[in-house]
N, C-alpha and C. Protein backbone atom coordinates (compact mmCIF):
# COMPACT_ATOMS: atom_id res chain seq x y z
N UNK A 1 46.20 176.63 -91.75
CA UNK A 1 44.77 176.62 -91.47
C UNK A 1 44.04 176.13 -92.73
N UNK A 2 43.15 175.17 -92.56
CA UNK A 2 42.37 174.67 -93.70
C UNK A 2 41.31 175.69 -94.08
N UNK A 3 40.84 175.65 -95.34
CA UNK A 3 39.80 176.60 -95.76
C UNK A 3 38.52 176.50 -94.93
N UNK A 4 38.25 175.34 -94.36
CA UNK A 4 37.03 175.17 -93.58
C UNK A 4 37.16 175.65 -92.13
N UNK A 5 38.39 175.86 -91.65
CA UNK A 5 38.60 176.24 -90.25
C UNK A 5 37.86 177.53 -89.87
N UNK A 6 37.88 178.59 -90.69
CA UNK A 6 37.12 179.79 -90.30
C UNK A 6 35.61 179.55 -90.24
N UNK A 7 35.10 178.67 -91.08
CA UNK A 7 33.67 178.35 -91.08
C UNK A 7 33.31 177.62 -89.80
N UNK A 8 34.10 176.63 -89.45
CA UNK A 8 33.85 175.87 -88.22
C UNK A 8 33.95 176.78 -87.00
N UNK A 9 34.97 177.62 -86.96
CA UNK A 9 35.14 178.54 -85.83
C UNK A 9 33.96 179.50 -85.73
N UNK A 10 33.52 180.02 -86.87
CA UNK A 10 32.38 180.94 -86.87
C UNK A 10 31.11 180.23 -86.40
N UNK A 11 30.87 179.02 -86.88
CA UNK A 11 29.67 178.26 -86.46
C UNK A 11 29.70 178.00 -84.96
N UNK A 12 30.84 177.61 -84.46
CA UNK A 12 30.96 177.35 -83.01
C UNK A 12 30.77 178.62 -82.20
N UNK A 13 31.06 179.77 -82.77
CA UNK A 13 30.85 181.03 -82.09
C UNK A 13 29.38 181.33 -81.82
N UNK A 14 28.48 180.65 -82.53
CA UNK A 14 27.04 180.84 -82.35
C UNK A 14 26.46 179.93 -81.27
N UNK A 15 27.25 178.99 -80.76
CA UNK A 15 26.75 178.06 -79.74
C UNK A 15 26.22 178.85 -78.55
N UNK A 16 25.03 178.46 -78.11
CA UNK A 16 24.37 179.13 -76.99
C UNK A 16 23.37 180.19 -77.41
N UNK A 17 23.37 180.57 -78.69
CA UNK A 17 22.40 181.55 -79.18
C UNK A 17 21.00 180.94 -79.13
N UNK A 18 20.03 181.61 -78.53
CA UNK A 18 18.67 181.05 -78.45
C UNK A 18 18.01 180.95 -79.82
N UNK A 19 17.08 180.01 -79.94
CA UNK A 19 16.32 179.86 -81.18
C UNK A 19 15.31 181.00 -81.29
N UNK A 20 15.30 181.65 -82.44
CA UNK A 20 14.30 182.67 -82.77
C UNK A 20 14.02 182.54 -84.26
N UNK A 21 12.79 182.23 -84.60
CA UNK A 21 12.41 182.06 -86.01
C UNK A 21 12.73 183.32 -86.81
N UNK A 22 13.37 183.17 -87.94
CA UNK A 22 13.76 184.20 -88.90
C UNK A 22 14.81 185.18 -88.39
N UNK A 23 15.39 184.95 -87.23
CA UNK A 23 16.42 185.85 -86.70
C UNK A 23 17.80 185.36 -87.12
N UNK A 24 18.78 186.27 -87.05
CA UNK A 24 20.16 185.93 -87.39
C UNK A 24 21.12 186.88 -86.66
N UNK A 25 21.02 186.88 -85.32
CA UNK A 25 21.89 187.73 -84.51
C UNK A 25 22.60 186.88 -83.46
N UNK A 26 23.90 186.74 -83.62
CA UNK A 26 24.68 185.91 -82.70
C UNK A 26 24.46 186.37 -81.26
N UNK A 27 24.18 185.42 -80.40
CA UNK A 27 23.98 185.70 -78.98
C UNK A 27 22.58 186.18 -78.65
N UNK A 28 21.82 186.61 -79.66
CA UNK A 28 20.47 187.14 -79.45
C UNK A 28 19.42 186.14 -79.89
N UNK A 29 19.54 185.63 -81.12
CA UNK A 29 18.59 184.65 -81.61
C UNK A 29 18.80 184.32 -83.07
N UNK A 30 18.52 183.07 -83.43
CA UNK A 30 18.58 182.64 -84.82
C UNK A 30 17.81 181.34 -84.98
N UNK A 31 17.45 181.07 -86.23
CA UNK A 31 16.94 179.76 -86.59
C UNK A 31 18.03 179.09 -87.42
N UNK A 32 17.74 177.93 -88.00
CA UNK A 32 18.79 177.21 -88.72
C UNK A 32 19.32 178.01 -89.90
N UNK A 33 18.44 178.65 -90.67
CA UNK A 33 18.90 179.46 -91.78
C UNK A 33 19.63 180.70 -91.27
N UNK A 34 19.16 181.27 -90.17
CA UNK A 34 19.83 182.43 -89.58
C UNK A 34 21.25 182.10 -89.15
N UNK A 35 21.48 180.89 -88.69
CA UNK A 35 22.83 180.45 -88.34
C UNK A 35 23.71 180.44 -89.59
N UNK A 36 23.23 179.83 -90.66
CA UNK A 36 24.00 179.78 -91.91
C UNK A 36 24.25 181.20 -92.43
N UNK A 37 23.23 182.05 -92.37
CA UNK A 37 23.38 183.43 -92.82
C UNK A 37 24.44 184.17 -91.99
N UNK A 38 24.40 183.97 -90.68
CA UNK A 38 25.37 184.63 -89.81
C UNK A 38 26.79 184.17 -90.06
N UNK A 39 26.97 182.88 -90.27
CA UNK A 39 28.30 182.36 -90.58
C UNK A 39 28.74 182.91 -91.94
N UNK A 40 27.82 182.98 -92.90
CA UNK A 40 28.14 183.58 -94.21
C UNK A 40 28.70 184.99 -94.02
N UNK A 41 27.99 185.81 -93.22
CA UNK A 41 28.43 187.19 -93.02
C UNK A 41 29.83 187.25 -92.41
N UNK A 42 30.11 186.35 -91.47
CA UNK A 42 31.41 186.35 -90.81
C UNK A 42 32.54 185.88 -91.72
N UNK A 43 32.24 184.93 -92.58
CA UNK A 43 33.30 184.29 -93.37
C UNK A 43 33.36 184.80 -94.81
N UNK A 44 32.20 185.00 -95.44
CA UNK A 44 32.18 185.39 -96.86
C UNK A 44 32.03 186.90 -97.02
N UNK A 45 31.13 187.50 -96.24
CA UNK A 45 30.87 188.93 -96.35
C UNK A 45 29.38 189.19 -96.36
N UNK A 46 29.00 190.29 -96.98
CA UNK A 46 27.58 190.68 -97.02
C UNK A 46 26.72 189.58 -97.63
N UNK A 47 25.53 189.44 -97.09
CA UNK A 47 24.60 188.45 -97.63
C UNK A 47 24.20 188.83 -99.06
N UNK A 48 24.10 187.85 -99.95
CA UNK A 48 23.78 188.14 -101.34
C UNK A 48 22.32 188.54 -101.57
N UNK A 49 21.45 188.19 -100.64
CA UNK A 49 20.04 188.58 -100.74
C UNK A 49 19.42 188.54 -99.36
N UNK A 50 18.38 189.33 -99.18
CA UNK A 50 17.63 189.29 -97.93
C UNK A 50 16.60 188.17 -98.05
N UNK A 51 16.48 187.34 -97.03
CA UNK A 51 15.50 186.26 -97.13
C UNK A 51 14.08 186.80 -97.03
N UNK A 52 13.17 186.21 -97.79
CA UNK A 52 11.77 186.60 -97.65
C UNK A 52 11.21 185.97 -96.36
N UNK A 53 10.03 186.38 -95.98
CA UNK A 53 9.37 185.70 -94.86
C UNK A 53 9.21 184.23 -95.23
N UNK A 54 9.41 183.36 -94.27
CA UNK A 54 9.27 181.93 -94.55
C UNK A 54 8.64 181.25 -93.33
N UNK A 55 7.94 180.13 -93.59
CA UNK A 55 7.25 179.45 -92.49
C UNK A 55 8.24 178.69 -91.60
N UNK A 56 7.89 178.47 -90.34
CA UNK A 56 8.76 177.70 -89.45
C UNK A 56 9.06 176.30 -90.01
N UNK A 57 8.12 175.73 -90.74
CA UNK A 57 8.32 174.42 -91.35
C UNK A 57 8.38 174.60 -92.86
N UNK A 58 9.59 174.82 -93.37
CA UNK A 58 9.80 175.01 -94.80
C UNK A 58 9.12 173.91 -95.61
N UNK A 59 9.23 172.69 -95.13
CA UNK A 59 8.76 171.54 -95.89
C UNK A 59 7.25 171.51 -96.04
N UNK A 60 6.52 172.20 -95.16
CA UNK A 60 5.05 172.17 -95.21
C UNK A 60 4.49 172.86 -96.44
N UNK A 61 5.31 173.68 -97.11
CA UNK A 61 4.83 174.39 -98.29
C UNK A 61 4.70 173.47 -99.50
N UNK A 62 5.35 172.31 -99.45
CA UNK A 62 5.35 171.40 -100.59
C UNK A 62 6.47 171.68 -101.57
N UNK A 63 7.07 172.87 -101.48
CA UNK A 63 8.24 173.21 -102.32
C UNK A 63 9.50 173.03 -101.51
N UNK A 64 10.58 172.84 -102.19
CA UNK A 64 11.87 172.67 -101.52
C UNK A 64 12.52 174.04 -101.35
N UNK A 65 11.85 174.93 -100.60
CA UNK A 65 12.27 176.32 -100.46
C UNK A 65 13.66 176.47 -99.85
N UNK A 66 13.96 175.66 -98.84
CA UNK A 66 15.26 175.77 -98.19
C UNK A 66 16.37 175.38 -99.16
N UNK A 67 16.17 174.30 -99.90
CA UNK A 67 17.18 173.88 -100.89
C UNK A 67 17.35 174.98 -101.94
N UNK A 68 16.25 175.55 -102.41
CA UNK A 68 16.33 176.62 -103.41
C UNK A 68 17.15 177.80 -102.87
N UNK A 69 16.91 178.16 -101.62
CA UNK A 69 17.62 179.30 -101.02
C UNK A 69 19.12 179.01 -100.90
N UNK A 70 19.47 177.85 -100.37
CA UNK A 70 20.88 177.51 -100.19
C UNK A 70 21.57 177.33 -101.54
N UNK A 71 20.91 176.69 -102.49
CA UNK A 71 21.52 176.40 -103.79
C UNK A 71 21.79 177.65 -104.62
N UNK A 72 21.06 178.74 -104.34
CA UNK A 72 21.31 179.98 -105.09
C UNK A 72 22.70 180.55 -104.82
N UNK A 73 23.26 180.24 -103.65
CA UNK A 73 24.50 180.91 -103.26
C UNK A 73 25.62 180.00 -102.79
N UNK A 74 25.32 178.76 -102.53
CA UNK A 74 26.34 177.81 -102.10
C UNK A 74 26.62 176.81 -103.22
N UNK A 75 27.71 176.09 -103.09
CA UNK A 75 28.17 175.17 -104.11
C UNK A 75 27.86 173.73 -103.68
N UNK A 76 27.21 172.93 -104.56
CA UNK A 76 26.97 171.53 -104.20
C UNK A 76 28.29 170.81 -103.88
N UNK A 77 28.26 169.93 -102.90
CA UNK A 77 29.45 169.19 -102.49
C UNK A 77 29.12 167.71 -102.41
N UNK A 78 30.15 166.90 -102.51
CA UNK A 78 29.98 165.45 -102.48
C UNK A 78 29.90 164.88 -101.07
N UNK A 79 30.88 165.15 -100.25
CA UNK A 79 30.94 164.50 -98.95
C UNK A 79 30.75 165.46 -97.80
N UNK A 80 30.42 164.90 -96.66
CA UNK A 80 30.26 165.69 -95.44
C UNK A 80 31.62 165.86 -94.80
N UNK A 81 32.01 167.10 -94.61
CA UNK A 81 33.26 167.41 -93.97
C UNK A 81 33.15 168.74 -93.26
N UNK A 82 34.18 169.14 -92.55
CA UNK A 82 34.13 170.40 -91.82
C UNK A 82 33.77 171.57 -92.74
N UNK A 83 32.83 172.39 -92.28
CA UNK A 83 32.40 173.56 -93.03
C UNK A 83 31.27 173.33 -94.01
N UNK A 84 30.87 172.09 -94.21
CA UNK A 84 29.78 171.80 -95.15
C UNK A 84 28.45 172.28 -94.58
N UNK A 85 27.61 172.81 -95.46
CA UNK A 85 26.24 173.17 -95.09
C UNK A 85 25.37 171.97 -95.44
N UNK A 86 24.70 171.41 -94.45
CA UNK A 86 23.88 170.23 -94.66
C UNK A 86 22.41 170.59 -94.68
N UNK A 87 21.69 170.04 -95.64
CA UNK A 87 20.23 170.15 -95.67
C UNK A 87 19.67 168.84 -95.15
N UNK A 88 18.67 168.96 -94.30
CA UNK A 88 18.08 167.77 -93.68
C UNK A 88 16.57 167.77 -93.88
N UNK A 89 16.01 166.58 -94.05
CA UNK A 89 14.56 166.41 -94.19
C UNK A 89 14.05 165.74 -92.92
N UNK A 90 12.88 166.15 -92.48
CA UNK A 90 12.31 165.60 -91.25
C UNK A 90 11.79 164.19 -91.44
N UNK A 91 11.46 163.84 -92.70
CA UNK A 91 10.99 162.48 -92.97
C UNK A 91 11.39 162.10 -94.38
N UNK A 92 11.40 160.81 -94.67
CA UNK A 92 11.79 160.32 -95.98
C UNK A 92 10.91 160.91 -97.07
N UNK A 93 11.53 161.37 -98.14
CA UNK A 93 10.81 161.90 -99.28
C UNK A 93 10.34 163.34 -99.13
N UNK A 94 10.54 163.93 -97.98
CA UNK A 94 10.09 165.31 -97.75
C UNK A 94 11.16 166.29 -98.23
N UNK A 95 10.74 167.52 -98.55
CA UNK A 95 11.73 168.55 -98.88
C UNK A 95 12.58 168.86 -97.65
N UNK A 96 13.72 169.49 -97.87
CA UNK A 96 14.58 169.90 -96.76
C UNK A 96 13.80 170.87 -95.86
N UNK A 97 13.87 170.64 -94.57
CA UNK A 97 13.19 171.51 -93.62
C UNK A 97 14.12 172.03 -92.53
N UNK A 98 15.40 171.68 -92.65
CA UNK A 98 16.36 172.05 -91.61
C UNK A 98 17.74 172.13 -92.25
N UNK A 99 18.62 172.94 -91.67
CA UNK A 99 20.00 172.99 -92.16
C UNK A 99 20.95 173.10 -90.98
N UNK A 100 22.20 172.74 -91.22
CA UNK A 100 23.22 172.73 -90.18
C UNK A 100 24.58 172.93 -90.84
N UNK A 101 25.59 173.17 -90.03
CA UNK A 101 26.95 173.28 -90.52
C UNK A 101 27.78 172.18 -89.87
N UNK A 102 28.44 171.37 -90.71
CA UNK A 102 29.27 170.29 -90.20
C UNK A 102 30.55 170.88 -89.60
N UNK A 103 30.94 170.36 -88.44
CA UNK A 103 32.18 170.79 -87.82
C UNK A 103 33.25 169.71 -87.95
N UNK A 104 32.87 168.58 -88.46
CA UNK A 104 33.75 167.44 -88.69
C UNK A 104 32.92 166.37 -89.39
N UNK A 105 33.48 165.21 -89.58
CA UNK A 105 32.72 164.16 -90.28
C UNK A 105 31.56 163.61 -89.46
N UNK A 106 31.56 163.84 -88.16
CA UNK A 106 30.54 163.26 -87.30
C UNK A 106 29.88 164.26 -86.36
N UNK A 107 29.98 165.57 -86.64
CA UNK A 107 29.38 166.56 -85.74
C UNK A 107 28.85 167.74 -86.54
N UNK A 108 27.80 168.38 -86.01
CA UNK A 108 27.20 169.55 -86.64
C UNK A 108 26.90 170.61 -85.59
N UNK A 109 26.82 171.85 -86.05
CA UNK A 109 26.27 172.94 -85.26
C UNK A 109 24.95 173.28 -85.91
N UNK A 110 23.89 173.36 -85.10
CA UNK A 110 22.58 173.69 -85.66
C UNK A 110 21.71 174.38 -84.63
N UNK A 111 20.67 175.02 -85.14
CA UNK A 111 19.68 175.69 -84.31
C UNK A 111 18.34 175.03 -84.57
N UNK A 112 17.63 174.70 -83.50
CA UNK A 112 16.27 174.17 -83.71
C UNK A 112 15.36 174.64 -82.60
N UNK A 113 14.08 174.67 -82.93
CA UNK A 113 13.06 175.23 -82.03
C UNK A 113 13.15 174.62 -80.63
N UNK A 114 13.00 175.48 -79.63
CA UNK A 114 12.98 175.03 -78.25
C UNK A 114 14.35 174.81 -77.64
N UNK A 115 15.42 175.20 -78.35
CA UNK A 115 16.76 174.96 -77.83
C UNK A 115 17.67 176.13 -78.22
N UNK A 116 18.90 176.04 -77.80
CA UNK A 116 19.92 177.01 -78.21
C UNK A 116 20.78 176.35 -79.28
N UNK A 117 21.52 177.15 -80.02
CA UNK A 117 22.45 176.60 -81.00
C UNK A 117 23.42 175.68 -80.25
N UNK A 118 23.63 174.50 -80.81
CA UNK A 118 24.46 173.50 -80.14
C UNK A 118 25.27 172.72 -81.16
N UNK A 119 26.38 172.17 -80.69
CA UNK A 119 27.16 171.23 -81.49
C UNK A 119 26.78 169.84 -81.01
N UNK A 120 26.32 169.01 -81.94
CA UNK A 120 25.82 167.68 -81.59
C UNK A 120 26.39 166.65 -82.55
N UNK A 121 26.21 165.40 -82.18
CA UNK A 121 26.65 164.31 -83.05
C UNK A 121 25.79 164.27 -84.31
N UNK A 122 26.43 164.00 -85.42
CA UNK A 122 25.72 163.83 -86.68
C UNK A 122 25.04 162.46 -86.75
N UNK A 123 25.42 161.57 -85.86
CA UNK A 123 24.91 160.19 -85.90
C UNK A 123 23.39 160.12 -86.03
N UNK A 124 22.68 160.85 -85.21
CA UNK A 124 21.21 160.78 -85.24
C UNK A 124 20.62 161.54 -86.43
N UNK A 125 21.37 162.45 -87.00
CA UNK A 125 20.89 163.26 -88.12
C UNK A 125 21.32 162.72 -89.48
N UNK A 126 22.35 161.91 -89.53
CA UNK A 126 22.95 161.47 -90.80
C UNK A 126 21.93 160.93 -91.79
N UNK A 127 20.99 160.14 -91.33
CA UNK A 127 20.00 159.55 -92.26
C UNK A 127 19.03 160.60 -92.80
N UNK A 128 19.04 161.80 -92.24
CA UNK A 128 18.16 162.88 -92.68
C UNK A 128 18.82 163.83 -93.68
N UNK A 129 20.12 163.64 -93.94
CA UNK A 129 20.84 164.52 -94.86
C UNK A 129 20.33 164.30 -96.29
N UNK A 130 19.86 165.39 -96.91
CA UNK A 130 19.35 165.32 -98.28
C UNK A 130 20.10 166.26 -99.22
N UNK A 131 21.09 166.96 -98.70
CA UNK A 131 21.90 167.84 -99.53
C UNK A 131 23.14 168.28 -98.78
N UNK A 132 24.23 168.45 -99.52
CA UNK A 132 25.49 168.90 -98.95
C UNK A 132 26.03 170.01 -99.85
N UNK A 133 26.33 171.15 -99.24
CA UNK A 133 26.83 172.32 -99.96
C UNK A 133 28.05 172.88 -99.26
N UNK A 134 28.75 173.75 -99.95
CA UNK A 134 29.90 174.46 -99.38
C UNK A 134 29.71 175.95 -99.64
N UNK A 135 30.24 176.77 -98.75
CA UNK A 135 30.26 178.20 -98.99
C UNK A 135 31.15 178.46 -100.21
N UNK A 136 30.86 179.50 -100.99
CA UNK A 136 31.68 179.79 -102.17
C UNK A 136 33.09 180.26 -101.78
């Protein structure tokens, strides 16, 4: 089993969870950060910090809050591969406003408003990737 296999399996276990801002309960509700937090708990253990309240659109604050949060506890990585935590920006030059977990070189699991957690092609999201991290 590769080191990323438990991360991918855990992320896929969240598929179908409804979107709920600031939530992180598998099968009940989560947002994109809640998905990453939930996978962290399943694979790494207890969360290293409780997240503060945050706006639905991280990028609207003008600070790169999502990158700051992920970078405090995850390790920067070079390439996109299974188990990578991806930061995405909604537009060019904007701070990261979304995150996902790669399940392969061309697929991600993510949560976004108005939908359930799903595994989708990275093709449409690839140009939005502004950071790649790995769980410690």
